[in-house]
Amino acid sequence: MLNADLHCHSTCSDGTLAPAAVAALASRQGVELWALTDHDTVDGLAEAAAAAQRLGMGYLTGVEVSVSFAGETVHIVGLGFDADDAALRAGLASTRGGRQARALAMAAGLAEVGIHGAFEGALPYVGNPGLISRSHLARWLVASGVCADMPAVFRRYLVEGKPGYVPHRWAGLGDAVRWITQAGGQAVIAHPGRYKFSASAEYALFSEFAAHGGRGVEVQTGSHGPGAAAKYATMAREFKLLASRGSDFHDPAESRTAFGSLPDLAGDLTPVWEALAERVVQP
């Protein structure tokens, strides 16, 4: 099977490497088809496309849109769209709004438990101040010795019920799917195994996603073990969804899986890239 990685991040959102450096790492580790999917922005796509061309990788445009659904933040990956589409860009801009205010509120919550200076401390880790996120605050908390690693930061401070957690109202599910599809792309549910939904809420997510025109789901991804991959392969069959594959790379030391090392998709699933064959930019 084609070694595709269609979910990863750069310094344009909450990754630690520039788009060209992410491309170089993916290429070195055997990726043949690649997409950069930064959170709520397409700012890195021109650099990513040029790097993929130089390195001989197939390339698809990508983005990861933050969505609010049933009280949870869900991520929808868009692939193969027109990155200059005005409605998509306006939607992403509206989704980005409020991130800085949220980060300030998170820092205030941390200050209440004696951790001061989190917002200012996080800024050197941020490529675009308008896209500051929990990951940037978490990296500062690790670097300053408050926690040993990123998972510990999230467990102790940055999830619901903890001092640094602040909810945010993101885009609607239908809006995100529409922005992607009307720009000529395919919408994909990212890492569904990460969401803390009941079985009925998860079924509602898949049902509404498909009803809005969503076409795919990540089956093989960095946060899915064999059990989750099998479960979401079954969901893909039930909802007649295309299957996607992506590491969700952010940083060499943080990522759950290395580029190029994900298992293949089950042979009876249709890979999302087959439906996007005309959109793939070949080297």
C-alpha atoms as a PDB file:
ATOM      1  CA  MET A   1       0.000   0.000   0.000  1.00  0.00           C
ATOM      2  CA  LEU A   2       1.070   3.562  -0.657  1.00  0.00           C
ATOM      3  CA  ASN A   3       2.918   4.975   2.360  1.00  0.00           C
ATOM      4  CA  ALA A   4       0.699   8.014   2.939  1.00  0.00           C
ATOM      5  CA  ASP A   5       0.800  10.373   5.917  1.00  0.00           C
ATOM      6  CA  LEU A   6      -2.078  12.827   5.734  1.00  0.00           C
ATOM      7  CA  HIS A   7      -2.019  14.385   9.202  1.00  0.00           C
ATOM      8  CA  CYS A   8       0.860  16.368  10.695  1.00  0.00           C
ATOM      9  CA  HIS A   9       1.705  19.796  12.064  1.00  0.00           C
ATOM     10  CA  SER A  10       4.339  22.518  11.745  1.00  0.00           C
ATOM     11  CA  THR A  11       5.287  25.777  13.445  1.00  0.00           C
ATOM     12  CA  CYS A  12       2.373  27.371  11.584  1.00  0.00           C
ATOM     13  CA  SER A  13       0.176  25.904  14.333  1.00  0.00           C
ATOM     14  CA  ASP A  14       1.400  23.758  17.241  1.00  0.00           C
ATOM     15  CA  GLY A  15       4.280  21.775  15.742  1.00  0.00           C
ATOM     16  CA  THR A  16       7.944  22.476  16.441  1.00  0.00           C
ATOM     17  CA  LEU A  17       9.412  22.197  12.915  1.00  0.00           C
ATOM     18  CA  ALA A  18       8.895  24.487   9.926  1.00  0.00           C
ATOM     19  CA  PRO A  19       6.816  23.045   7.055  1.00  0.00           C
ATOM     20  CA  ALA A  20       9.883  22.297   4.909  1.00  0.00           C
ATOM     21  CA  ALA A  21      11.579  20.517   7.819  1.00  0.00           C
ATOM     22  CA  VAL A  22       8.469  18.403   8.440  1.00  0.00           C
ATOM     23  CA  ALA A  23       8.467  17.473   4.746  1.00  0.00           C
ATOM     24  CA  ALA A  24      12.144  16.516   4.878  1.00  0.00           C
ATOM     25  CA  LEU A  25      11.622  14.292   7.912  1.00  0.00           C
ATOM     26  CA  ALA A  26       8.598  12.609   6.324  1.00  0.00           C
ATOM     27  CA  SER A  27      10.529  11.962   3.128  1.00  0.00           C
ATOM     28  CA  ARG A  28      13.546  10.516   4.971  1.00  0.00           C
ATOM     29  CA  GLN A  29      11.249   8.105   6.779  1.00  0.00           C
ATOM     30  CA  GLY A  30       9.645   6.733   3.648  1.00  0.00           C
ATOM     31  CA  VAL A  31       6.457   8.777   3.205  1.00  0.00           C
ATOM     32  CA  GLU A  32       5.350   8.786  -0.439  1.00  0.00           C
ATOM     33  CA  LEU A  33       2.191  10.923  -0.196  1.00  0.00           C
ATOM     34  CA  TRP A  34       2.070  13.745   2.335  1.00  0.00           C
ATOM     35  CA  ALA A  35      -0.219  16.480   3.620  1.00  0.00           C
ATOM     36  CA  LEU A  36       0.502  19.210   6.155  1.00  0.00           C
ATOM     37  CA  THR A  37      -2.639  19.724   8.268  1.00  0.00           C
ATOM     38  CA  ASP A  38      -2.045  22.623  10.625  1.00  0.00           C
ATOM     39  CA  HIS A  39      -4.816  23.708  12.973  1.00  0.00           C
ATOM     40  CA  ASP A  40      -7.237  26.231  11.463  1.00  0.00           C
ATOM     41  CA  THR A  41      -4.718  27.710   9.025  1.00  0.00           C
ATOM     42  CA  VAL A  42      -3.363  27.156   5.524  1.00  0.00           C
ATOM     43  CA  ASP A  43      -0.400  29.490   6.034  1.00  0.00           C
ATOM     44  CA  GLY A  44       2.224  26.747   5.656  1.00  0.00           C
ATOM     45  CA  LEU A  45       0.860  25.113   2.528  1.00  0.00           C
ATOM     46  CA  ALA A  46       2.894  27.004  -0.081  1.00  0.00           C
ATOM     47  CA  GLU A  47       6.153  26.095   1.684  1.00  0.00           C
ATOM     48  CA  ALA A  48       4.936  22.531   2.173  1.00  0.00           C
ATOM     49  CA  ALA A  49       4.028  22.101  -1.496  1.00  0.00           C
ATOM     50  CA  ALA A  50       7.394  23.415  -2.677  1.00  0.00           C
ATOM     51  CA  ALA A  51       9.258  21.139  -0.268  1.00  0.00           C
ATOM     52  CA  ALA A  52       7.269  18.065  -1.313  1.00  0.00           C
ATOM     53  CA  GLN A  53       8.040  18.818  -4.957  1.00  0.00           C
ATOM     54  CA  ARG A  54      11.788  19.098  -4.246  1.00  0.00           C
ATOM     55  CA  LEU A  55      11.785  15.890  -2.228  1.00  0.00           C
ATOM     56  CA  GLY A  56       9.839  13.794  -4.715  1.00  0.00           C
ATOM     57  CA  MET A  57       6.747  13.223  -2.565  1.00  0.00           C
ATOM     58  CA  GLY A  58       3.167  13.335  -3.743  1.00  0.00           C
ATOM     59  CA  TYR A  59       1.319  16.148  -2.007  1.00  0.00           C
ATOM     60  CA  LEU A  60      -2.226  17.086  -0.976  1.00  0.00           C
ATOM     61  CA  THR A  61      -3.364  20.350   0.580  1.00  0.00           C
ATOM     62  CA  GLY A  62      -4.456  19.889   4.181  1.00  0.00           C
ATOM     63  CA  VAL A  63      -5.891  21.566   7.259  1.00  0.00           C
ATOM     64  CA  GLU A  64      -7.304  20.456  10.620  1.00  0.00           C
ATOM     65  CA  VAL A  65     -10.435  22.366  11.635  1.00  0.00           C
ATOM     66  CA  SER A  66     -11.478  22.645  15.285  1.00  0.00           C
ATOM     67  CA  VAL A  67     -15.164  21.827  15.808  1.00  0.00           C
ATOM     68  CA  SER A  68     -17.455  21.825  18.840  1.00  0.00           C
ATOM     69  CA  PHE A  69     -19.756  18.790  19.019  1.00  0.00           C
ATOM     70  CA  ALA A  70     -21.745  17.464  21.985  1.00  0.00           C
ATOM     71  CA  GLY A  71     -19.572  19.349  24.455  1.00  0.00           C
ATOM     72  CA  GLU A  72     -16.285  18.061  23.027  1.00  0.00           C
ATOM     73  CA  THR A  73     -13.686  19.542  20.720  1.00  0.00           C
ATOM     74  CA  VAL A  74     -13.536  17.413  17.583  1.00  0.00           C
ATOM     75  CA  HIS A  75     -11.047  17.809  14.743  1.00  0.00           C
ATOM     76  CA  ILE A  76     -11.978  17.533  11.090  1.00  0.00           C
ATOM     77  CA  VAL A  77      -9.141  17.140   8.598  1.00  0.00           C
ATOM     78  CA  GLY A  78      -9.626  18.632   5.142  1.00  0.00           C
ATOM     79  CA  LEU A  79      -7.650  17.191   2.228  1.00  0.00           C
ATOM     80  CA  GLY A  80      -7.242  18.101  -1.424  1.00  0.00           C
ATOM     81  CA  PHE A  81      -9.074  21.442  -1.359  1.00  0.00           C
ATOM     82  CA  ASP A  82      -8.347  24.740  -3.113  1.00  0.00           C
ATOM     83  CA  ALA A  83      -6.203  26.563  -0.539  1.00  0.00           C
ATOM     84  CA  ASP A  84      -7.185  29.930  -2.017  1.00  0.00           C
ATOM     85  CA  ASP A  85     -10.930  29.372  -1.584  1.00  0.00           C
ATOM     86  CA  ALA A  86     -12.318  32.553  -0.019  1.00  0.00           C
ATOM     87  CA  ALA A  87     -15.078  30.898   2.034  1.00  0.00           C
ATOM     88  CA  LEU A  88     -12.652  28.351   3.486  1.00  0.00           C
ATOM     89  CA  ARG A  89     -10.154  31.031   4.425  1.00  0.00           C
ATOM     90  CA  ALA A  90     -12.857  33.187   6.035  1.00  0.00           C
ATOM     91  CA  GLY A  91     -14.140  30.219   8.008  1.00  0.00           C
ATOM     92  CA  LEU A  92     -10.677  29.359   9.277  1.00  0.00           C
ATOM     93  CA  ALA A  93     -10.092  32.983  10.285  1.00  0.00           C
ATOM     94  CA  SER A  94     -13.326  33.005  12.281  1.00  0.00           C
ATOM     95  CA  THR A  95     -12.348  29.741  13.983  1.00  0.00           C
ATOM     96  CA  ARG A  96      -8.938  31.114  14.965  1.00  0.00           C
ATOM     97  CA  GLY A  97     -10.554  34.123  16.668  1.00  0.00           C
ATOM     98  CA  GLY A  98     -10.442  33.902  20.435  1.00  0.00           C
ATOM     99  CA  ARG A  99      -7.395  31.657  20.775  1.00  0.00           C
ATOM    100  CA  GLN A 100      -5.301  34.393  22.397  1.00  0.00           C
ATOM    101  CA  ALA A 101      -8.050  35.294  24.875  1.00  0.00           C
ATOM    102  CA  ARG A 102      -8.416  31.617  25.724  1.00  0.00           C
ATOM    103  CA  ALA A 103      -4.660  31.256  26.316  1.00  0.00           C
ATOM    104  CA  LEU A 104      -4.686  34.270  28.638  1.00  0.00           C
ATOM    105  CA  ALA A 105      -7.558  32.715  30.581  1.00  0.00           C
ATOM    106  CA  MET A 106      -5.679  29.407  30.825  1.00  0.00           C
ATOM    107  CA  ALA A 107      -2.621  31.250  32.117  1.00  0.00           C
ATOM    108  CA  ALA A 108      -4.773  33.023  34.703  1.00  0.00           C
ATOM    109  CA  GLY A 109      -6.081  29.667  35.903  1.00  0.00           C
ATOM    110  CA  LEU A 110      -2.548  28.358  36.248  1.00  0.00           C
ATOM    111  CA  ALA A 111      -1.544  31.497  38.176  1.00  0.00           C
ATOM    112  CA  GLU A 112      -4.297  30.773  40.696  1.00  0.00           C
ATOM    113  CA  VAL A 113      -2.485  27.557  41.645  1.00  0.00           C
ATOM    114  CA  GLY A 114       0.908  29.247  41.848  1.00  0.00           C
ATOM    115  CA  ILE A 115       2.200  28.841  38.285  1.00  0.00           C
ATOM    116  CA  HIS A 116       2.902  32.373  37.089  1.00  0.00           C
ATOM    117  CA  GLY A 117       3.983  33.684  33.702  1.00  0.00           C
ATOM    118  CA  ALA A 118       2.575  30.866  31.566  1.00  0.00           C
ATOM    119  CA  PHE A 119       1.297  33.063  28.736  1.00  0.00           C
ATOM    120  CA  GLU A 120       4.558  34.975  28.379  1.00  0.00           C
ATOM    121  CA  GLY A 121       6.536  31.778  28.816  1.00  0.00           C
ATOM    122  CA  ALA A 122       4.616  30.053  26.022  1.00  0.00           C
ATOM    123  CA  LEU A 123       5.116  32.804  23.443  1.00  0.00           C
ATOM    124  CA  PRO A 124       8.642  31.748  22.356  1.00  0.00           C
ATOM    125  CA  TYR A 125       7.152  28.375  21.385  1.00  0.00           C
ATOM    126  CA  VAL A 126       4.488  29.965  19.170  1.00  0.00           C
ATOM    127  CA  GLY A 127       5.093  30.524  15.462  1.00  0.00           C
ATOM    128  CA  ASN A 128       1.881  32.524  15.020  1.00  0.00           C
ATOM    129  CA  PRO A 129       0.625  34.296  18.190  1.00  0.00           C
ATOM    130  CA  GLY A 130      -2.924  34.124  16.831  1.00  0.00           C
ATOM    131  CA  LEU A 131      -2.699  30.323  16.975  1.00  0.00           C
ATOM    132  CA  ILE A 132      -1.423  29.914  20.536  1.00  0.00           C
ATOM    133  CA  SER A 133      -2.787  26.693  22.006  1.00  0.00           C
ATOM    134  CA  ARG A 134      -2.657  24.359  24.977  1.00  0.00           C
ATOM    135  CA  SER A 135       0.360  22.624  23.421  1.00  0.00           C
ATOM    136  CA  HIS A 136       2.424  25.824  23.589  1.00  0.00           C
ATOM    137  CA  LEU A 137       1.603  26.356  27.261  1.00  0.00           C
ATOM    138  CA  ALA A 138       2.343  22.682  27.907  1.00  0.00           C
ATOM    139  CA  ARG A 139       5.798  22.911  26.325  1.00  0.00           C
ATOM    140  CA  TRP A 140       6.645  25.842  28.598  1.00  0.00           C
ATOM    141  CA  LEU A 141       5.420  23.915  31.654  1.00  0.00           C
ATOM    142  CA  VAL A 142       7.731  21.026  30.736  1.00  0.00           C
ATOM    143  CA  ALA A 143      10.686  23.309  29.968  1.00  0.00           C
ATOM    144  CA  SER A 144      10.240  25.165  33.255  1.00  0.00           C
ATOM    145  CA  GLY A 145      10.198  21.924  35.242  1.00  0.00           C
ATOM    146  CA  VAL A 146       6.587  22.028  36.414  1.00  0.00           C
ATOM    147  CA  CYS A 147       5.916  18.631  34.796  1.00  0.00           C
ATOM    148  CA  ALA A 148       8.154  15.907  33.423  1.00  0.00           C
ATOM    149  CA  ASP A 149       6.465  15.579  30.037  1.00  0.00           C
ATOM    150  CA  MET A 150       3.534  16.689  27.895  1.00  0.00           C
ATOM    151  CA  PRO A 151       1.102  13.935  28.965  1.00  0.00           C
ATOM    152  CA  ALA A 152       1.653  14.875  32.616  1.00  0.00           C
ATOM    153  CA  VAL A 153       0.890  18.534  31.858  1.00  0.00           C
ATOM    154  CA  PHE A 154      -2.415  17.686  30.243  1.00  0.00           C
ATOM    155  CA  ARG A 155      -3.425  15.252  32.996  1.00  0.00           C
ATOM    156  CA  ARG A 156      -2.664  17.701  35.799  1.00  0.00           C
ATOM    157  CA  TYR A 157      -3.496  21.091  34.337  1.00  0.00           C
ATOM    158  CA  LEU A 158      -5.034  21.344  30.860  1.00  0.00           C
ATOM    159  CA  VAL A 159      -8.037  19.017  30.658  1.00  0.00           C
ATOM    160  CA  GLU A 160     -11.582  19.621  31.867  1.00  0.00           C
ATOM    161  CA  GLY A 161     -11.760  20.056  35.637  1.00  0.00           C
ATOM    162  CA  LYS A 162      -8.093  21.074  35.961  1.00  0.00           C
ATOM    163  CA  PRO A 163      -6.792  24.595  36.752  1.00  0.00           C
ATOM    164  CA  GLY A 164      -5.607  25.564  33.269  1.00  0.00           C
ATOM    165  CA  TYR A 165      -8.569  24.269  31.280  1.00  0.00           C
ATOM    166  CA  VAL A 166     -10.740  26.793  29.449  1.00  0.00           C
ATOM    167  CA  PRO A 167     -13.390  25.619  26.971  1.00  0.00           C
ATOM    168  CA  HIS A 168     -13.723  27.296  23.604  1.00  0.00           C
ATOM    169  CA  ARG A 169     -16.578  27.442  21.141  1.00  0.00           C
ATOM    170  CA  TRP A 170     -15.203  26.322  17.798  1.00  0.00           C
ATOM    171  CA  ALA A 171     -16.785  25.966  14.365  1.00  0.00           C
ATOM    172  CA  GLY A 172     -19.933  23.921  13.850  1.00  0.00           C
ATOM    173  CA  LEU A 173     -19.531  20.436  12.359  1.00  0.00           C
ATOM    174  CA  GLY A 174     -21.640  21.303   9.306  1.00  0.00           C
ATOM    175  CA  ASP A 175     -19.717  24.531   8.744  1.00  0.00           C
ATOM    176  CA  ALA A 176     -16.322  22.794   8.763  1.00  0.00           C
ATOM    177  CA  VAL A 177     -17.457  20.052   6.388  1.00  0.00           C
ATOM    178  CA  ARG A 178     -19.033  22.601   4.050  1.00  0.00           C
ATOM    179  CA  TRP A 179     -15.929  24.831   3.915  1.00  0.00           C
ATOM    180  CA  ILE A 180     -13.801  21.840   2.936  1.00  0.00           C
ATOM    181  CA  THR A 181     -16.144  20.218   0.442  1.00  0.00           C
ATOM    182  CA  GLN A 182     -17.161  23.433  -1.285  1.00  0.00           C
ATOM    183  CA  ALA A 183     -13.457  24.143  -1.781  1.00  0.00           C
ATOM    184  CA  GLY A 184     -13.194  20.833  -3.655  1.00  0.00           C
ATOM    185  CA  GLY A 185     -11.750  18.725  -0.836  1.00  0.00           C
ATOM    186  CA  GLN A 186     -12.699  15.738   1.295  1.00  0.00           C
ATOM    187  CA  ALA A 187     -13.569  16.059   4.994  1.00  0.00           C
ATOM    188  CA  VAL A 188     -12.206  13.395   7.370  1.00  0.00           C
ATOM    189  CA  ILE A 189     -12.881  12.781  11.076  1.00  0.00           C
ATOM    190  CA  ALA A 190      -9.478  12.976  12.762  1.00  0.00           C
ATOM    191  CA  HIS A 191      -8.356  10.396  15.387  1.00  0.00           C
ATOM    192  CA  PRO A 192     -11.874   9.423  16.562  1.00  0.00           C
ATOM    193  CA  GLY A 193     -10.470   7.173  19.271  1.00  0.00           C
ATOM    194  CA  ARG A 194      -9.310  10.229  21.222  1.00  0.00           C
ATOM    195  CA  TYR A 195     -12.759  11.676  21.899  1.00  0.00           C
ATOM    196  CA  LYS A 196     -14.447  10.849  25.191  1.00  0.00           C
ATOM    197  CA  PHE A 197     -17.893  10.233  23.735  1.00  0.00           C
ATOM    198  CA  SER A 198     -20.500   7.756  24.854  1.00  0.00           C
ATOM    199  CA  ALA A 199     -21.403   5.159  22.225  1.00  0.00           C
ATOM    200  CA  SER A 200     -24.566   7.083  21.344  1.00  0.00           C
ATOM    201  CA  ALA A 201     -22.762  10.440  21.036  1.00  0.00           C
ATOM    202  CA  GLU A 202     -20.071   8.872  18.848  1.00  0.00           C
ATOM    203  CA  TYR A 203     -22.742   7.351  16.607  1.00  0.00           C
ATOM    204  CA  ALA A 204     -24.385  10.776  16.369  1.00  0.00           C
ATOM    205  CA  LEU A 205     -21.048  12.323  15.358  1.00  0.00           C
ATOM    206  CA  PHE A 206     -20.593   9.856  12.522  1.00  0.00           C
ATOM    207  CA  SER A 207     -24.222  10.145  11.452  1.00  0.00           C
ATOM    208  CA  GLU A 208     -24.238  13.942  11.361  1.00  0.00           C
ATOM    209  CA  PHE A 209     -20.805  14.077   9.726  1.00  0.00           C
ATOM    210  CA  ALA A 210     -21.981  11.824   6.903  1.00  0.00           C
ATOM    211  CA  ALA A 211     -25.257  13.732   6.571  1.00  0.00           C
ATOM    212  CA  HIS A 212     -23.325  16.993   6.119  1.00  0.00           C
ATOM    213  CA  GLY A 213     -21.250  15.441   3.320  1.00  0.00           C
ATOM    214  CA  GLY A 214     -18.221  14.236   5.281  1.00  0.00           C
ATOM    215  CA  ARG A 215     -16.458  11.472   3.406  1.00  0.00           C
ATOM    216  CA  GLY A 216     -13.688   9.928   5.504  1.00  0.00           C
ATOM    217  CA  VAL A 217     -12.341   8.824   8.868  1.00  0.00           C
ATOM    218  CA  GLU A 218      -8.803   8.301  10.146  1.00  0.00           C
ATOM    219  CA  VAL A 219      -8.389   4.593  10.796  1.00  0.00           C
ATOM    220  CA  GLN A 220      -4.612   4.366  11.211  1.00  0.00           C
ATOM    221  CA  THR A 221      -3.261   7.268  13.252  1.00  0.00           C
ATOM    222  CA  GLY A 222      -0.727   7.837  16.004  1.00  0.00           C
ATOM    223  CA  SER A 223      -3.258   7.593  18.835  1.00  0.00           C
ATOM    224  CA  HIS A 224      -4.969   4.389  17.593  1.00  0.00           C
ATOM    225  CA  GLY A 225      -3.747   1.021  18.717  1.00  0.00           C
ATOM    226  CA  PRO A 226      -4.828  -2.179  16.932  1.00  0.00           C
ATOM    227  CA  GLY A 227      -8.178  -2.274  18.743  1.00  0.00           C
ATOM    228  CA  ALA A 228      -9.110   1.295  17.835  1.00  0.00           C
ATOM    229  CA  ALA A 229      -7.973   0.807  14.252  1.00  0.00           C
ATOM    230  CA  ALA A 230     -10.213  -2.260  13.936  1.00  0.00           C
ATOM    231  CA  LYS A 231     -13.148  -0.414  15.511  1.00  0.00           C
ATOM    232  CA  TYR A 232     -12.932   2.559  13.153  1.00  0.00           C
ATOM    233  CA  ALA A 233     -12.390   0.331  10.148  1.00  0.00           C
ATOM    234  CA  THR A 234     -15.757  -1.180  11.063  1.00  0.00           C
ATOM    235  CA  MET A 235     -17.262   2.306  11.424  1.00  0.00           C
ATOM    236  CA  ALA A 236     -15.882   3.241   8.011  1.00  0.00           C
ATOM    237  CA  ARG A 237     -17.622   0.237   6.494  1.00  0.00           C
ATOM    238  CA  GLU A 238     -20.897   0.940   8.286  1.00  0.00           C
ATOM    239  CA  PHE A 239     -21.037   4.595   7.259  1.00  0.00           C
ATOM    240  CA  LYS A 240     -19.503   3.972   3.823  1.00  0.00           C
ATOM    241  CA  LEU A 241     -16.591   6.302   4.599  1.00  0.00           C
ATOM    242  CA  LEU A 242     -13.193   6.502   2.975  1.00  0.00           C
ATOM    243  CA  ALA A 243     -10.252   5.551   5.207  1.00  0.00           C
ATOM    244  CA  SER A 244      -7.340   7.831   6.010  1.00  0.00           C
ATOM    245  CA  ARG A 245      -3.919   7.388   7.550  1.00  0.00           C
ATOM    246  CA  GLY A 246      -1.764   9.954   9.381  1.00  0.00           C
ATOM    247  CA  SER A 247       0.721  10.105  12.233  1.00  0.00           C
ATOM    248  CA  ASP A 248      -0.516  13.397  13.782  1.00  0.00           C
ATOM    249  CA  PHE A 249       3.156  14.401  14.028  1.00  0.00           C
ATOM    250  CA  HIS A 250       3.970  17.509  16.109  1.00  0.00           C
ATOM    251  CA  ASP A 251       7.544  17.036  17.301  1.00  0.00           C
ATOM    252  CA  PRO A 252      10.111  14.203  17.091  1.00  0.00           C
ATOM    253  CA  ALA A 253      10.162  13.794  20.879  1.00  0.00           C
ATOM    254  CA  GLU A 254       6.399  14.090  21.408  1.00  0.00           C
ATOM    255  CA  SER A 255       4.813  12.077  18.627  1.00  0.00           C
ATOM    256  CA  ARG A 256       3.287   8.681  19.363  1.00  0.00           C
ATOM    257  CA  THR A 257       4.492   7.185  16.098  1.00  0.00           C
ATOM    258  CA  ALA A 258       7.198   7.991  13.575  1.00  0.00           C
ATOM    259  CA  PHE A 259       6.530   9.057  10.018  1.00  0.00           C
ATOM    260  CA  GLY A 260       6.270   6.120   7.662  1.00  0.00           C
ATOM    261  CA  SER A 261       5.635   3.522  10.369  1.00  0.00           C
ATOM    262  CA  LEU A 262       1.836   3.303  10.544  1.00  0.00           C
ATOM    263  CA  PRO A 263       0.231  -0.045   9.669  1.00  0.00           C
ATOM    264  CA  ASP A 264      -1.458  -0.369   6.311  1.00  0.00           C
ATOM    265  CA  LEU A 265      -5.193   0.153   6.008  1.00  0.00           C
ATOM    266  CA  ALA A 266      -7.319  -3.003   5.784  1.00  0.00           C
ATOM    267  CA  GLY A 267      -7.485  -4.186   2.196  1.00  0.00           C
ATOM    268  CA  ASP A 268     -11.261  -3.835   1.850  1.00  0.00           C
ATOM    269  CA  LEU A 269     -11.260  -0.137   2.818  1.00  0.00           C
ATOM    270  CA  THR A 270     -11.041   2.573   0.159  1.00  0.00           C
ATOM    271  CA  PRO A 271      -8.194   5.002   0.930  1.00  0.00           C
ATOM    272  CA  VAL A 272      -9.218   8.655   0.852  1.00  0.00           C
ATOM    273  CA  TRP A 273      -6.350   9.429  -1.517  1.00  0.00           C
ATOM    274  CA  GLU A 274      -7.935   7.286  -4.211  1.00  0.00           C
ATOM    275  CA  ALA A 275     -10.920   9.647  -4.238  1.00  0.00           C
ATOM    276  CA  LEU A 276      -8.481  12.565  -4.451  1.00  0.00           C
ATOM    277  CA  ALA A 277      -6.246  11.179  -7.193  1.00  0.00           C
ATOM    278  CA  GLU A 278      -6.857  14.183  -9.457  1.00  0.00           C
ATOM    279  CA  ARG A 279      -5.934  16.515  -6.579  1.00  0.00           C
ATOM    280  CA  VAL A 280      -2.580  14.921  -5.777  1.00  0.00           C
ATOM    281  CA  VAL A 281       0.336  17.077  -6.873  1.00  0.00           C
ATOM    282  CA  GLN A 282       2.890  14.661  -8.245  1.00  0.00           C
ATOM    283  CA  PRO A 283       6.641  15.411  -7.987  1.00  0.00           C
END
